[in-house]
Every structure is written in C-alpha cells, then in structure tokens.
Amino acid sequence: MMSPEGGQVMTGHNHGGTTTESNVSHEGHEEQNKSTTLKPLSIDKQAKEALQPLYNTYLNWKDALTNDDFKEAQKNATNLKSALKKVDMGLFKDEAHMVWMDFQGRLAKSLEHIQQFSDIEQLRKAFQSVSITMIEMTNSFAPLGKTIYVQHCPMADNNKGADWLSSEKEIKNPYFGSSMLKCGEVTKEIK
C-alpha cells in the first residue's frame, strides 16, 4: 500500500487505461469506449496546447485535495469546469474528434454540480470520476510534453481502489489527504 522505494509493485490489477471498477457511472460509456480509449490517437500541437489548462487545473485540484483544502479544491474543480468549456472541439480531427466529444461529455457530467458541493468528500468523489476520464484521455492523446504518473490507492472508494494522475512520482493521496497521504503506488508512467 505504501509507495515503494525503487521499482513498481504489481498489484495484480490492470489500471492502464481500462475502466476502474467503482460505483461511478458513465451512463454506459465504459464498454462502448474501451476500444477507442485504449488506442493511442494522434492530435496536433494546437489540440495538445488546448488541453494544457485542463491538466494544470486538474493537478492543482489534486494538490488541494491532498492538503485537505476544501475551498481551494472547489475553486480548482470549478476552474476545471470553465477550462473544459473553452476547449475548441474543432481542434480534434477524424476519430480523435469523436473520442474528445466523449471525454468532454463525461468530464462535464462529473463536474456538473461542483459549485453546490458542501464537503470535501463530495469533491473527492467527483475527482475520482474525473480522474478516470483524464487517465483515459492521457492514454489516448498523450498531450503532455513531460512524464505523468498514474497512481493508485487500493483503499479509496470503500476499498475498491481509485486512480489519479500526478506530475510527481512521490505519492500524495488526494482521496485521503493528511489521514493517509502516502497510501498508494505508481502503476504506470505515461511519457
């Protein structure tokens, strides 16, 4: 459970872009999109640049959750919702367009009521849903010019486990914050 010193620990689970078991619903999208989200798709530099605000805000949201900062977490979740609306869907061509439309719809649904949330656990649940989509999007589009880590906490989501993205290899768990900050492991590096 604790982050390992050195190499990657295998958990017996495959978290490389497939859907994660949870009671987070994607309105039937999981099975439908498994084949498209596992296949890397090429997007141009403009599309990659358009996604940068999403990643920056997502990572800030993750950091606020690790610090148990409700106000900052809600601000970043709201900023993510705004950044999502600003992404020009016309930048995504051919098959990538359809895949982006799915990702955009799922993210919008996960963030729909974010301003009304009144406690950090609601924000963490929304973050879990957003993380599933962000990981799939990262696997599909490889939009970042740097390494990003997929991390996993086996105790999150009532011991079903949950994943998130981090720009740092060091585990800082957004699902438990200070109560179990180091719980988790790196399951994948996306370069």
Protein backbone atom coordinates (compact mmCIF):
# COMPACT_ATOMS: atom_id res chain seq x y z
CA MET A 1 0.00 0.00 0.00
CA MET A 2 2.77 2.41 0.80
CA SER A 3 4.73 3.84 -2.09
CA PRO A 4 7.65 1.54 -2.81
CA GLU A 5 11.27 2.53 -2.67
CA GLY A 6 12.53 1.94 -6.19
CA GLY A 7 10.61 -0.12 -8.72
CA GLN A 8 6.98 -0.62 -9.42
CA VAL A 9 4.95 -3.03 -7.32
CA MET A 10 2.47 -5.14 -9.21
CA THR A 11 -0.95 -5.28 -7.60
CA GLY A 12 -2.50 -7.89 -9.82
CA HIS A 13 -4.79 -5.26 -11.28
CA ASN A 14 -4.55 -3.68 -14.70
CA HIS A 15 -5.00 0.08 -14.49
CA GLY A 16 -3.51 1.02 -17.84
CA GLY A 17 -6.40 2.95 -19.30
CA THR A 18 -9.15 0.46 -18.74
CA THR A 19 -12.14 1.41 -16.70
CA THR A 20 -11.82 1.14 -12.96
CA GLU A 21 -14.44 -0.75 -11.00
CA SER A 22 -16.43 1.71 -8.96
CA ASN A 23 -19.94 2.85 -8.48
CA VAL A 24 -19.15 5.92 -10.58
CA SER A 25 -21.49 5.72 -13.54
CA HIS A 26 -20.60 6.86 -17.03
CA GLU A 27 -24.06 6.23 -18.41
CA GLY A 28 -22.98 3.11 -20.30
CA HIS A 29 -19.86 4.68 -21.84
CA GLU A 30 -17.40 2.28 -20.24
CA GLU A 31 -17.96 -0.72 -22.51
CA GLN A 32 -18.68 1.41 -25.54
CA ASN A 33 -15.39 3.31 -25.32
CA LYS A 34 -13.00 0.65 -24.09
CA SER A 35 -11.70 0.00 -27.60
CA THR A 36 -11.34 3.66 -28.60
CA THR A 37 -9.70 4.88 -25.41
CA LEU A 38 -7.10 2.14 -25.34
CA LYS A 39 -5.84 3.04 -28.82
CA PRO A 40 -3.41 5.98 -28.95
CA LEU A 41 -4.66 8.70 -31.28
CA SER A 42 -2.62 11.44 -32.86
CA ILE A 43 -3.62 15.03 -32.19
CA ASP A 44 -1.79 18.09 -33.43
CA LYS A 45 0.17 20.63 -31.39
CA GLN A 46 -2.77 23.06 -31.18
CA ALA A 47 -5.07 20.40 -29.72
CA LYS A 48 -2.39 19.39 -27.21
CA GLU A 49 -1.94 23.03 -26.19
CA ALA A 50 -5.71 23.42 -25.78
CA LEU A 51 -5.69 20.57 -23.23
CA GLN A 52 -2.92 22.07 -21.07
CA PRO A 53 -5.25 24.23 -18.92
CA LEU A 54 -7.29 21.09 -18.12
CA TYR A 55 -4.21 19.25 -16.88
CA ASN A 56 -2.84 22.22 -14.94
CA THR A 57 -6.16 22.78 -13.17
CA TYR A 58 -6.69 19.05 -12.56
CA LEU A 59 -3.25 18.78 -10.93
CA ASN A 60 -3.97 21.85 -8.79
CA TRP A 61 -7.26 20.22 -7.72
CA LYS A 62 -5.36 17.06 -6.79
CA ASP A 63 -2.90 19.10 -4.71
CA ALA A 64 -5.71 20.90 -2.88
CA LEU A 65 -7.33 17.55 -2.03
CA THR A 66 -4.02 16.17 -0.73
CA ASN A 67 -3.83 19.25 1.52
CA ASP A 68 -7.44 18.75 2.73
CA ASP A 69 -8.23 22.27 1.49
CA PHE A 70 -11.94 22.29 0.62
CA LYS A 71 -12.08 25.89 -0.57
CA GLU A 72 -9.05 25.55 -2.87
CA ALA A 73 -10.25 22.16 -4.14
CA GLN A 74 -13.68 23.54 -5.00
CA LYS A 75 -12.10 26.57 -6.72
CA ASN A 76 -9.92 24.31 -8.88
CA ALA A 77 -12.79 21.96 -9.70
CA THR A 78 -14.84 24.99 -10.80
CA ASN A 79 -11.85 26.25 -12.82
CA LEU A 80 -11.59 22.83 -14.48
CA LYS A 81 -15.24 23.09 -15.48
CA SER A 82 -14.55 26.53 -17.02
CA ALA A 83 -11.37 25.34 -18.78
CA LEU A 84 -13.30 22.42 -20.26
CA LYS A 85 -15.85 24.78 -21.84
CA LYS A 86 -13.02 26.73 -23.52
CA VAL A 87 -11.53 23.76 -25.41
CA ASP A 88 -12.34 24.12 -29.11
CA MET A 89 -13.72 20.79 -30.31
CA GLY A 90 -12.75 21.77 -33.87
CA LEU A 91 -9.11 21.15 -32.97
CA PHE A 92 -9.77 17.40 -32.82
CA LYS A 93 -9.91 15.73 -36.21
CA ASP A 94 -11.32 12.44 -37.51
CA GLU A 95 -11.53 9.68 -34.89
CA ALA A 96 -9.94 11.92 -32.25
CA HIS A 97 -12.95 14.25 -32.60
CA MET A 98 -15.41 11.56 -31.55
CA VAL A 99 -13.17 10.41 -28.71
CA TRP A 100 -12.76 14.02 -27.49
CA MET A 101 -16.54 14.53 -27.58
CA ASP A 102 -16.96 11.50 -25.33
CA PHE A 103 -14.26 12.70 -22.90
CA GLN A 104 -15.70 16.21 -22.87
CA GLY A 105 -19.21 14.93 -22.15
CA ARG A 106 -18.05 12.67 -19.34
CA LEU A 107 -15.97 15.42 -17.72
CA ALA A 108 -18.84 17.90 -17.97
CA LYS A 109 -21.20 15.41 -16.31
CA SER A 110 -18.71 14.73 -13.49
CA LEU A 111 -18.30 18.47 -12.86
CA GLU A 112 -21.94 19.44 -13.40
CA HIS A 113 -22.87 20.27 -9.77
CA ILE A 114 -19.42 21.01 -8.39
CA GLN A 115 -20.35 24.52 -7.13
CA GLN A 116 -23.09 23.10 -4.89
CA PHE A 117 -20.81 20.64 -3.07
CA SER A 118 -20.52 21.40 0.63
CA ASP A 119 -17.85 18.98 1.82
CA ILE A 120 -14.51 17.66 0.68
CA GLU A 121 -15.73 14.06 0.34
CA GLN A 122 -18.12 15.12 -2.43
CA LEU A 123 -15.19 16.80 -4.20
CA ARG A 124 -13.10 13.65 -3.80
CA LYS A 125 -15.86 11.52 -5.34
CA ALA A 126 -16.10 13.91 -8.31
CA PHE A 127 -12.30 13.89 -8.57
CA GLN A 128 -12.38 10.09 -8.80
CA SER A 129 -14.80 10.23 -11.72
CA VAL A 130 -12.82 12.99 -13.45
CA SER A 131 -9.59 11.04 -12.90
CA ILE A 132 -10.93 8.00 -14.77
CA THR A 133 -11.59 10.18 -17.81
CA MET A 134 -8.35 12.17 -17.51
CA ILE A 135 -6.31 8.95 -17.40
CA GLU A 136 -8.09 7.59 -20.48
CA MET A 137 -7.59 10.93 -22.26
CA THR A 138 -3.88 10.89 -21.40
CA ASN A 139 -3.53 7.34 -22.73
CA SER A 140 -5.40 8.25 -25.93
CA PHE A 141 -3.93 11.65 -26.79
CA ALA A 142 -0.54 11.75 -24.97
CA PRO A 143 -0.95 15.54 -24.78
CA LEU A 144 1.80 16.29 -22.28
CA GLY A 145 5.41 17.01 -23.10
CA LYS A 146 6.54 15.51 -19.80
CA THR A 147 6.13 12.29 -17.85
CA ILE A 148 2.94 11.95 -15.84
CA TYR A 149 2.26 9.17 -13.36
CA VAL A 150 -0.87 7.11 -12.91
CA GLN A 151 -1.15 6.39 -9.20
CA HIS A 152 -3.47 4.05 -7.33
CA CYS A 153 -4.81 3.81 -3.81
CA PRO A 154 -6.29 0.37 -3.05
CA MET A 155 -8.27 1.71 -0.08
CA ALA A 156 -10.08 4.55 -1.87
CA ASP A 157 -13.73 4.18 -2.87
CA ASN A 158 -14.58 1.86 0.04
CA ASN A 159 -11.60 -0.44 -0.65
CA LYS A 160 -12.45 -0.80 -4.36
CA GLY A 161 -9.45 1.34 -5.22
CA ALA A 162 -9.12 4.50 -7.26
CA ASP A 163 -6.56 6.06 -9.57
CA TRP A 164 -5.34 9.59 -10.23
CA LEU A 165 -2.72 11.44 -12.27
CA SER A 166 0.29 13.15 -10.74
CA SER A 167 3.20 15.10 -12.17
CA GLU A 168 5.36 13.75 -9.31
CA LYS A 169 6.41 10.17 -8.67
CA GLU A 170 6.03 10.67 -4.90
CA ILE A 171 2.62 9.54 -3.64
CA LYS A 172 0.37 12.26 -2.23
CA ASN A 173 -3.05 10.70 -1.93
CA PRO A 174 -5.96 13.02 -2.87
CA TYR A 175 -8.60 10.56 -1.63
CA PHE A 176 -7.45 10.59 2.00
CA GLY A 177 -5.27 13.69 2.27
CA SER A 178 -3.34 14.04 5.50
CA SER A 179 -5.00 10.99 7.11
CA MET A 180 -3.20 8.61 4.68
CA LEU A 181 -1.09 10.88 2.49
CA LYS A 182 1.43 8.22 1.41
CA CYS A 183 -1.05 5.40 0.74
CA GLY A 184 -0.72 4.30 -2.86
CA GLU A 185 1.66 3.34 -5.61
CA VAL A 186 2.67 4.31 -9.12
CA THR A 187 1.03 1.90 -11.55
CA LYS A 188 2.08 3.49 -14.83
CA GLU A 189 4.27 6.21 -16.32
CA ILE A 190 2.95 7.99 -19.40
CA LYS A 191 5.67 9.80 -21.35
